[in-house]
Each structure stands twice: as structure tokens, then as C-alpha cells.
């Protein structure tokens, strides 16, 4: 993987699926190749309007890559693309 990619996860407190995706990101982050941060959809009305029913939503370099679930192998494939 060349360079560092930016990953954003839109999530909310109390979301079980969000916790699973975040655990995967923490694990995969150890391999390097990307930075990531989390955005709480409930922190902003516009973000909540966009992603309220889709959390967790994962973006790689500004492009939606996953919603609800994230496959780790597919994530690594998309990260390398």
C-alpha cells in the first residue's frame, strides 16, 4: 500500500454494528497505510440527515466504501486500490 489513505467512520453512541467496525479499524490500523477518525452522526444535524439510517458508514478517501458492515479483506482490497 503506497501512501496514507484517510478513513472516516460515521457512527453513533450505542450502535453495536459501529463498535464492531471500529474494532476492525483498530486492528487493521496496526498494518499501517491509513489514518482514521470517527464522526458521531448525532453531533451535527446535516451529518445526521445524511447518514442517520446508514450507520456505521465507512469512507476511504472521501468515497463511501461500506455501510452497516465492513469486511476486513474487502477493506484491505479497497485500501490498496
PDB file of N, CA and C in Angstrom:
ATOM      1  N   UNK A   1       0.841  -1.173   0.000  1.00  0.00           N
ATOM      2  CA  UNK A   1       0.000   0.000   0.000  1.00  0.00           C
ATOM      3  C   UNK A   1       0.885   1.233   0.000  1.00  0.00           C
ATOM      4  N   UNK A   2       0.711   2.074  -0.960  1.00  0.00           N
ATOM      5  CA  UNK A   2       1.551   3.253  -1.037  1.00  0.00           C
ATOM      6  C   UNK A   2       0.809   4.458  -0.480  1.00  0.00           C
ATOM      7  N   UNK A   3       1.512   5.251   0.297  1.00  0.00           N
ATOM      8  CA  UNK A   3       0.920   6.453   0.862  1.00  0.00           C
ATOM      9  C   UNK A   3      -0.081   6.137   1.957  1.00  0.00           C
ATOM     10  N   UNK A   4      -0.542   7.181   2.602  1.00  0.00           N
ATOM     11  CA  UNK A   4      -1.508   7.006   3.679  1.00  0.00           C
ATOM     12  C   UNK A   4      -2.885   7.438   3.209  1.00  0.00           C
ATOM     13  N   UNK A   5      -3.838   6.564   3.359  1.00  0.00           N
ATOM     14  CA  UNK A   5      -5.220   6.847   2.965  1.00  0.00           C
ATOM     15  C   UNK A   5      -5.968   7.372   4.191  1.00  0.00           C
ATOM     16  N   UNK A   6      -7.029   8.133   3.941  1.00  0.00           N
ATOM     17  CA  UNK A   6      -7.841   8.666   5.027  1.00  0.00           C
ATOM     18  C   UNK A   6      -9.156   7.900   5.103  1.00  0.00           C
ATOM     19  N   UNK A   7      -9.441   7.373   6.274  1.00  0.00           N
ATOM     20  CA  UNK A   7     -10.668   6.610   6.507  1.00  0.00           C
ATOM     21  C   UNK A   7     -11.498   7.348   7.553  1.00  0.00           C
ATOM     22  N   UNK A   8     -12.778   7.502   7.265  1.00  0.00           N
ATOM     23  CA  UNK A   8     -13.710   8.128   8.203  1.00  0.00           C
ATOM     24  C   UNK A   8     -14.846   7.151   8.446  1.00  0.00           C
ATOM     25  N   UNK A   9     -15.196   6.978   9.714  1.00  0.00           N
ATOM     26  CA  UNK A   9     -16.368   6.174  10.062  1.00  0.00           C
ATOM     27  C   UNK A   9     -17.399   7.101  10.701  1.00  0.00           C
ATOM     28  N   UNK A  10     -18.588   7.102  10.131  1.00  0.00           N
ATOM     29  CA  UNK A  10     -19.714   7.833  10.704  1.00  0.00           C
ATOM     30  C   UNK A  10     -20.469   6.832  11.567  1.00  0.00           C
ATOM     31  N   UNK A  11     -20.617   7.162  12.845  1.00  0.00           N
ATOM     32  CA  UNK A  11     -21.215   6.218  13.791  1.00  0.00           C
ATOM     33  C   UNK A  11     -22.023   6.984  14.826  1.00  0.00           C
ATOM     34  N   UNK A  12     -22.534   6.249  15.815  1.00  0.00           N
ATOM     35  CA  UNK A  12     -23.228   6.899  16.940  1.00  0.00           C
ATOM     36  C   UNK A  12     -23.048   6.046  18.184  1.00  0.00           C
ATOM     37  N   UNK A  13     -23.200   6.706  19.307  1.00  0.00           N
ATOM     38  CA  UNK A  13     -23.100   6.015  20.598  1.00  0.00           C
ATOM     39  C   UNK A  13     -24.209   4.971  20.693  1.00  0.00           C
ATOM     40  N   UNK A  14     -23.871   3.827  21.295  1.00  0.00           N
ATOM     41  CA  UNK A  14     -24.859   2.787  21.496  1.00  0.00           C
ATOM     42  C   UNK A  14     -25.130   1.918  20.283  1.00  0.00           C
ATOM     43  N   UNK A  15     -24.343   2.084  19.232  1.00  0.00           N
ATOM     44  CA  UNK A  15     -24.528   1.324  17.994  1.00  0.00           C
ATOM     45  C   UNK A  15     -23.599   0.101  18.015  1.00  0.00           C
ATOM     46  N   UNK A  16     -24.186  -1.070  18.127  1.00  0.00           N
ATOM     47  CA  UNK A  16     -23.402  -2.306  18.201  1.00  0.00           C
ATOM     48  C   UNK A  16     -22.601  -2.540  16.915  1.00  0.00           C
ATOM     49  N   UNK A  17     -23.215  -2.332  15.762  1.00  0.00           N
ATOM     50  CA  UNK A  17     -22.502  -2.523  14.497  1.00  0.00           C
ATOM     51  C   UNK A  17     -21.333  -1.550  14.372  1.00  0.00           C
ATOM     52  N   UNK A  18     -21.518  -0.336  14.883  1.00  0.00           N
ATOM     53  CA  UNK A  18     -20.437   0.661  14.853  1.00  0.00           C
ATOM     54  C   UNK A  18     -19.241   0.168  15.658  1.00  0.00           C
ATOM     55  N   UNK A  19     -19.501  -0.413  16.816  1.00  0.00           N
ATOM     56  CA  UNK A  19     -18.416  -0.913  17.664  1.00  0.00           C
ATOM     57  C   UNK A  19     -17.642  -2.023  16.961  1.00  0.00           C
ATOM     58  N   UNK A  20     -18.333  -2.898  16.261  1.00  0.00           N
ATOM     59  CA  UNK A  20     -17.674  -3.987  15.538  1.00  0.00           C
ATOM     60  C   UNK A  20     -16.766  -3.424  14.449  1.00  0.00           C
ATOM     61  N   UNK A  21     -17.249  -2.451  13.686  1.00  0.00           N
ATOM     62  CA  UNK A  21     -16.452  -1.857  12.610  1.00  0.00           C
ATOM     63  C   UNK A  21     -15.250  -1.123  13.201  1.00  0.00           C
ATOM     64  N   UNK A  22     -15.445  -0.395  14.300  1.00  0.00           N
ATOM     65  CA  UNK A  22     -14.326   0.316  14.923  1.00  0.00           C
ATOM     66  C   UNK A  22     -13.259  -0.654  15.422  1.00  0.00           C
ATOM     67  N   UNK A  23     -13.671  -1.787  15.991  1.00  0.00           N
ATOM     68  CA  UNK A  23     -12.703  -2.799  16.424  1.00  0.00           C
ATOM     69  C   UNK A  23     -11.881  -3.293  15.235  1.00  0.00           C
ATOM     70  N   UNK A  24     -12.528  -3.499  14.100  1.00  0.00           N
ATOM     71  CA  UNK A  24     -11.804  -3.918  12.894  1.00  0.00           C
ATOM     72  C   UNK A  24     -10.817  -2.846  12.455  1.00  0.00           C
ATOM     73  N   UNK A  25     -11.240  -1.577  12.489  1.00  0.00           N
ATOM     74  CA  UNK A  25     -10.342  -0.492  12.078  1.00  0.00           C
ATOM     75  C   UNK A  25      -9.130  -0.394  12.998  1.00  0.00           C
ATOM     76  N   UNK A  26      -9.334  -0.563  14.295  1.00  0.00           N
ATOM     77  CA  UNK A  26      -8.217  -0.529  15.242  1.00  0.00           C
ATOM     78  C   UNK A  26      -7.231  -1.650  14.907  1.00  0.00           C
ATOM     79  N   UNK A  27      -7.742  -2.830  14.666  1.00  0.00           N
ATOM     80  CA  UNK A  27      -6.892  -3.983  14.331  1.00  0.00           C
ATOM     81  C   UNK A  27      -6.149  -3.759  13.012  1.00  0.00           C
ATOM     82  N   UNK A  28      -6.874  -3.333  11.988  1.00  0.00           N
ATOM     83  CA  UNK A  28      -6.267  -3.153  10.668  1.00  0.00           C
ATOM     84  C   UNK A  28      -5.310  -1.965  10.632  1.00  0.00           C
ATOM     85  N   UNK A  29      -5.539  -0.965  11.480  1.00  0.00           N
ATOM     86  CA  UNK A  29      -4.679   0.216  11.517  1.00  0.00           C
ATOM     87  C   UNK A  29      -3.244  -0.156  11.880  1.00  0.00           C
ATOM     88  N   UNK A  30      -3.081  -1.222  12.641  1.00  0.00           N
ATOM     89  CA  UNK A  30      -1.740  -1.676  13.038  1.00  0.00           C
ATOM     90  C   UNK A  30      -0.900  -2.073  11.829  1.00  0.00           C
ATOM     91  N   UNK A  31      -1.542  -2.438  10.731  1.00  0.00           N
ATOM     92  CA  UNK A  31      -0.823  -2.785   9.496  1.00  0.00           C
ATOM     93  C   UNK A  31      -0.304  -1.547   8.778  1.00  0.00           C
ATOM     94  N   UNK A  32      -0.875  -0.385   9.122  1.00  0.00           N
ATOM     95  CA  UNK A  32      -0.459   0.868   8.500  1.00  0.00           C
ATOM     96  C   UNK A  32      -1.181   1.118   7.191  1.00  0.00           C
ATOM     97  N   UNK A  33      -0.792   2.211   6.539  1.00  0.00           N
ATOM     98  CA  UNK A  33      -1.363   2.535   5.239  1.00  0.00           C
ATOM     99  C   UNK A  33      -2.563   3.455   5.287  1.00  0.00           C
ATOM    100  N   UNK A  34      -3.097   3.720   6.495  1.00  0.00           N
ATOM    101  CA  UNK A  34      -4.229   4.630   6.588  1.00  0.00           C
ATOM    102  C   UNK A  34      -4.325   5.261   7.970  1.00  0.00           C
ATOM    103  N   UNK A  35      -4.927   6.428   7.993  1.00  0.00           N
ATOM    104  CA  UNK A  35      -5.311   7.060   9.250  1.00  0.00           C
ATOM    105  C   UNK A  35      -6.830   7.034   9.290  1.00  0.00           C
ATOM    106  N   UNK A  36      -7.380   7.047  10.479  1.00  0.00           N
ATOM    107  CA  UNK A  36      -8.836   7.036  10.551  1.00  0.00           C
ATOM    108  C   UNK A  36      -9.320   7.876  11.718  1.00  0.00           C
ATOM    109  N   UNK A  37     -10.533   8.377  11.568  1.00  0.00           N
ATOM    110  CA  UNK A  37     -11.187   9.042  12.674  1.00  0.00           C
ATOM    111  C   UNK A  37     -12.690   8.802  12.581  1.00  0.00           C
ATOM    112  N   UNK A  38     -13.311   9.044  13.707  1.00  0.00           N
ATOM    113  CA  UNK A  38     -14.741   8.770  13.851  1.00  0.00           C
ATOM    114  C   UNK A  38     -15.515  10.077  13.931  1.00  0.00           C
ATOM    115  N   UNK A  39     -16.680  10.108  13.304  1.00  0.00           N
ATOM    116  CA  UNK A  39     -17.580  11.247  13.382  1.00  0.00           C
ATOM    117  C   UNK A  39     -18.920  10.742  13.912  1.00  0.00           C
ATOM    118  N   UNK A  40     -19.382  11.336  15.002  1.00  0.00           N
ATOM    119  CA  UNK A  40     -20.678  10.980  15.584  1.00  0.00           C
ATOM    120  C   UNK A  40     -21.771  11.650  14.752  1.00  0.00           C
ATOM    121  N   UNK A  41     -22.643  10.860  14.144  1.00  0.00           N
ATOM    122  CA  UNK A  41     -23.688  11.432  13.281  1.00  0.00           C
ATOM    123  C   UNK A  41     -24.650  12.322  14.060  1.00  0.00           C
ATOM    124  N   UNK A  42     -24.729  12.112  15.355  1.00  0.00           N
ATOM    125  CA  UNK A  42     -25.640  12.910  16.169  1.00  0.00           C
ATOM    126  C   UNK A  42     -25.034  14.238  16.613  1.00  0.00           C
ATOM    127  N   UNK A  43     -23.793  14.505  16.212  1.00  0.00           N
ATOM    128  CA  UNK A  43     -23.128  15.745  16.610  1.00  0.00           C
ATOM    129  C   UNK A  43     -23.453  16.912  15.683  1.00  0.00           C
ATOM    130  N   UNK A  44     -24.106  16.627  14.552  1.00  0.00           N
ATOM    131  CA  UNK A  44     -24.348  17.659  13.549  1.00  0.00           C
ATOM    132  C   UNK A  44     -25.629  17.304  12.791  1.00  0.00           C
ATOM    133  N   UNK A  45     -26.540  18.258  12.686  1.00  0.00           N
ATOM    134  CA  UNK A  45     -27.838  17.991  12.052  1.00  0.00           C
ATOM    135  C   UNK A  45     -27.702  17.555  10.597  1.00  0.00           C
ATOM    136  N   UNK A  46     -26.798  18.175   9.857  1.00  0.00           N
ATOM    137  CA  UNK A  46     -26.618  17.825   8.439  1.00  0.00           C
ATOM    138  C   UNK A  46     -26.050  16.412   8.292  1.00  0.00           C
ATOM    139  N   UNK A  47     -25.070  16.083   9.114  1.00  0.00           N
ATOM    140  CA  UNK A  47     -24.492  14.729   9.075  1.00  0.00           C
ATOM    141  C   UNK A  47     -25.547  13.703   9.477  1.00  0.00           C
ATOM    142  N   UNK A  48     -26.334  14.031  10.498  1.00  0.00           N
ATOM    143  CA  UNK A  48     -27.409  13.114  10.929  1.00  0.00           C
ATOM    144  C   UNK A  48     -28.410  12.917   9.796  1.00  0.00           C
ATOM    145  N   UNK A  49     -28.763  13.987   9.093  1.00  0.00           N
ATOM    146  CA  UNK A  49     -29.703  13.881   7.970  1.00  0.00           C
ATOM    147  C   UNK A  49     -29.156  12.953   6.882  1.00  0.00           C
ATOM    148  N   UNK A  50     -27.855  13.060   6.616  1.00  0.00           N
ATOM    149  CA  UNK A  50     -27.244  12.261   5.548  1.00  0.00           C
ATOM    150  C   UNK A  50     -27.092  10.782   5.901  1.00  0.00           C
ATOM    151  N   UNK A  51     -26.715  10.495   7.148  1.00  0.00           N
ATOM    152  CA  UNK A  51     -26.310   9.122   7.491  1.00  0.00           C
ATOM    153  C   UNK A  51     -27.103   8.486   8.628  1.00  0.00           C
ATOM    154  N   UNK A  52     -28.168   9.100   9.076  1.00  0.00           N
ATOM    155  CA  UNK A  52     -28.912   8.626  10.236  1.00  0.00           C
ATOM    156  C   UNK A  52     -29.265   7.141  10.163  1.00  0.00           C
ATOM    157  N   UNK A  53     -29.745   6.693   9.019  1.00  0.00           N
ATOM    158  CA  UNK A  53     -30.214   5.310   8.884  1.00  0.00           C
ATOM    159  C   UNK A  53     -29.172   4.379   8.277  1.00  0.00           C
ATOM    160  N   UNK A  54     -27.933   4.842   8.129  1.00  0.00           N
ATOM    161  CA  UNK A  54     -26.907   4.037   7.459  1.00  0.00           C
ATOM    162  C   UNK A  54     -25.734   3.663   8.357  1.00  0.00           C
ATOM    163  N   UNK A  55     -25.707   4.101   9.603  1.00  0.00           N
ATOM    164  CA  UNK A  55     -24.525   3.870  10.438  1.00  0.00           C
ATOM    165  C   UNK A  55     -24.334   2.401  10.739  1.00  0.00           C
ATOM    166  N   UNK A  56     -23.100   1.961  10.824  1.00  0.00           N
ATOM    167  CA  UNK A  56     -21.898   2.732  10.528  1.00  0.00           C
ATOM    168  C   UNK A  56     -21.673   2.871   9.019  1.00  0.00           C
ATOM    169  N   UNK A  57     -21.112   4.011   8.631  1.00  0.00           N
ATOM    170  CA  UNK A  57     -20.740   4.258   7.242  1.00  0.00           C
ATOM    171  C   UNK A  57     -19.239   4.525   7.220  1.00  0.00           C
ATOM    172  N   UNK A  58     -18.525   3.837   6.327  1.00  0.00           N
ATOM    173  CA  UNK A  58     -17.075   3.988   6.228  1.00  0.00           C
ATOM    174  C   UNK A  58     -16.729   4.590   4.874  1.00  0.00           C
ATOM    175  N   UNK A  59     -15.949   5.660   4.912  1.00  0.00           N
ATOM    176  CA  UNK A  59     -15.446   6.304   3.708  1.00  0.00           C
ATOM    177  C   UNK A  59     -13.938   6.107   3.634  1.00  0.00           C
ATOM    178  N   UNK A  60     -13.439   5.839   2.436  1.00  0.00           N
ATOM    179  CA  UNK A  60     -11.997   5.780   2.178  1.00  0.00           C
ATOM    180  C   UNK A  60     -11.692   6.898   1.195  1.00  0.00           C
ATOM    181  N   UNK A  61     -10.865   7.840   1.627  1.00  0.00           N
ATOM    182  CA  UNK A  61     -10.510   9.000   0.799  1.00  0.00           C
ATOM    183  C   UNK A  61     -11.733   9.678   0.192  1.00  0.00           C
ATOM    184  N   UNK A  62     -12.757   9.876   1.015  1.00  0.00           N
ATOM    185  CA  UNK A  62     -13.940  10.613   0.579  1.00  0.00           C
ATOM    186  C   UNK A  62     -14.969   9.824  -0.204  1.00  0.00           C
ATOM    187  N   UNK A  63     -14.710   8.547  -0.436  1.00  0.00           N
ATOM    188  CA  UNK A  63     -15.666   7.710  -1.185  1.00  0.00           C
ATOM    189  C   UNK A  63     -16.288   6.679  -0.254  1.00  0.00           C
ATOM    190  N   UNK A  64     -17.631   6.589  -0.310  1.00  0.00           N
ATOM    191  CA  UNK A  64     -18.318   5.616   0.543  1.00  0.00           C
ATOM    192  C   UNK A  64     -17.880   4.211   0.154  1.00  0.00           C
ATOM    193  N   UNK A  65     -17.384   3.471   1.147  1.00  0.00           N
ATOM    194  CA  UNK A  65     -16.876   2.122   0.894  1.00  0.00           C
ATOM    195  C   UNK A  65     -17.759   1.042   1.526  1.00  0.00           C
ATOM    196  N   UNK A  66     -18.357   1.335   2.683  1.00  0.00           N
ATOM    197  CA  UNK A  66     -19.167   0.344   3.395  1.00  0.00           C
ATOM    198  C   UNK A  66     -20.258   1.049   4.187  1.00  0.00           C
ATOM    199  N   UNK A  67     -21.378   0.353   4.375  1.00  0.00           N
ATOM    200  CA  UNK A  67     -22.365   0.785   5.354  1.00  0.00           C
ATOM    201  C   UNK A  67     -22.909  -0.459   6.046  1.00  0.00           C
ATOM    202  N   UNK A  68     -23.244  -0.307   7.294  1.00  0.00           N
ATOM    203  CA  UNK A  68     -23.747  -1.356   8.195  1.00  0.00           C
ATOM    204  C   UNK A  68     -22.668  -2.356   8.604  1.00  0.00           C
ATOM    205  N   UNK A  69     -21.958  -2.937   7.659  1.00  0.00           N
ATOM    206  CA  UNK A  69     -20.939  -3.951   7.945  1.00  0.00           C
ATOM    207  C   UNK A  69     -19.699  -3.645   7.117  1.00  0.00           C
ATOM    208  N   UNK A  70     -18.540  -4.131   7.582  1.00  0.00           N
ATOM    209  CA  UNK A  70     -17.310  -3.951   6.827  1.00  0.00           C
ATOM    210  C   UNK A  70     -16.530  -5.261   6.834  1.00  0.00           C
ATOM    211  N   UNK A  71     -16.279  -5.790   5.658  1.00  0.00           N
ATOM    212  CA  UNK A  71     -15.467  -6.992   5.511  1.00  0.00           C
ATOM    213  C   UNK A  71     -13.997  -6.577   5.505  1.00  0.00           C
ATOM    214  N   UNK A  72     -13.192  -7.170   6.398  1.00  0.00           N
ATOM    215  CA  UNK A  72     -11.796  -6.753   6.526  1.00  0.00           C
ATOM    216  C   UNK A  72     -10.986  -6.998   5.259  1.00  0.00           C
ATOM    217  N   UNK A  73     -11.186  -8.125   4.623  1.00  0.00           N
ATOM    218  CA  UNK A  73     -10.446  -8.406   3.385  1.00  0.00           C
ATOM    219  C   UNK A  73     -10.830  -7.433   2.280  1.00  0.00           C
ATOM    220  N   UNK A  74     -12.116  -7.134   2.188  1.00  0.00           N
ATOM    221  CA  UNK A  74     -12.584  -6.180   1.182  1.00  0.00           C
ATOM    222  C   UNK A  74     -12.069  -4.776   1.497  1.00  0.00           C
ATOM    223  N   UNK A  75     -12.008  -4.443   2.792  1.00  0.00           N
ATOM    224  CA  UNK A  75     -11.448  -3.152   3.187  1.00  0.00           C
ATOM    225  C   UNK A  75     -10.002  -3.019   2.732  1.00  0.00           C
ATOM    226  N   UNK A  76      -9.194  -4.053   2.966  1.00  0.00           N
ATOM    227  CA  UNK A  76      -7.796  -4.019   2.555  1.00  0.00           C
ATOM    228  C   UNK A  76      -7.667  -3.945   1.037  1.00  0.00           C
ATOM    229  N   UNK A  77      -8.553  -4.628   0.334  1.00  0.00           N
ATOM    230  CA  UNK A  77      -8.539  -4.568  -1.133  1.00  0.00           C
ATOM    231  C   UNK A  77      -8.843  -3.144  -1.599  1.00  0.00           C
ATOM    232  N   UNK A  78      -9.876  -2.542  -1.035  1.00  0.00           N
ATOM    233  CA  UNK A  78     -10.230  -1.182  -1.433  1.00  0.00           C
ATOM    234  C   UNK A  78      -9.143  -0.190  -1.036  1.00  0.00           C
ATOM    235  N   UNK A  79      -8.518  -0.432   0.096  1.00  0.00           N
ATOM    236  CA  UNK A  79      -7.446   0.447   0.557  1.00  0.00           C
ATOM    237  C   UNK A  79      -6.261   0.407  -0.416  1.00  0.00           C
ATOM    238  N   UNK A  80      -5.987  -0.760  -0.965  1.00  0.00           N
ATOM    239  CA  UNK A  80      -4.854  -0.932  -1.870  1.00  0.00           C
ATOM    240  C   UNK A  80      -5.147  -0.433  -3.280  1.00  0.00           C
ATOM    241  N   UNK A  81      -6.428  -0.272  -3.613  1.00  0.00           N
ATOM    242  CA  UNK A  81      -6.809   0.123  -4.981  1.00  0.00           C
ATOM    243  C   UNK A  81      -6.384   1.545  -5.311  1.00  0.00           C
TER     244      UNK A  81
END
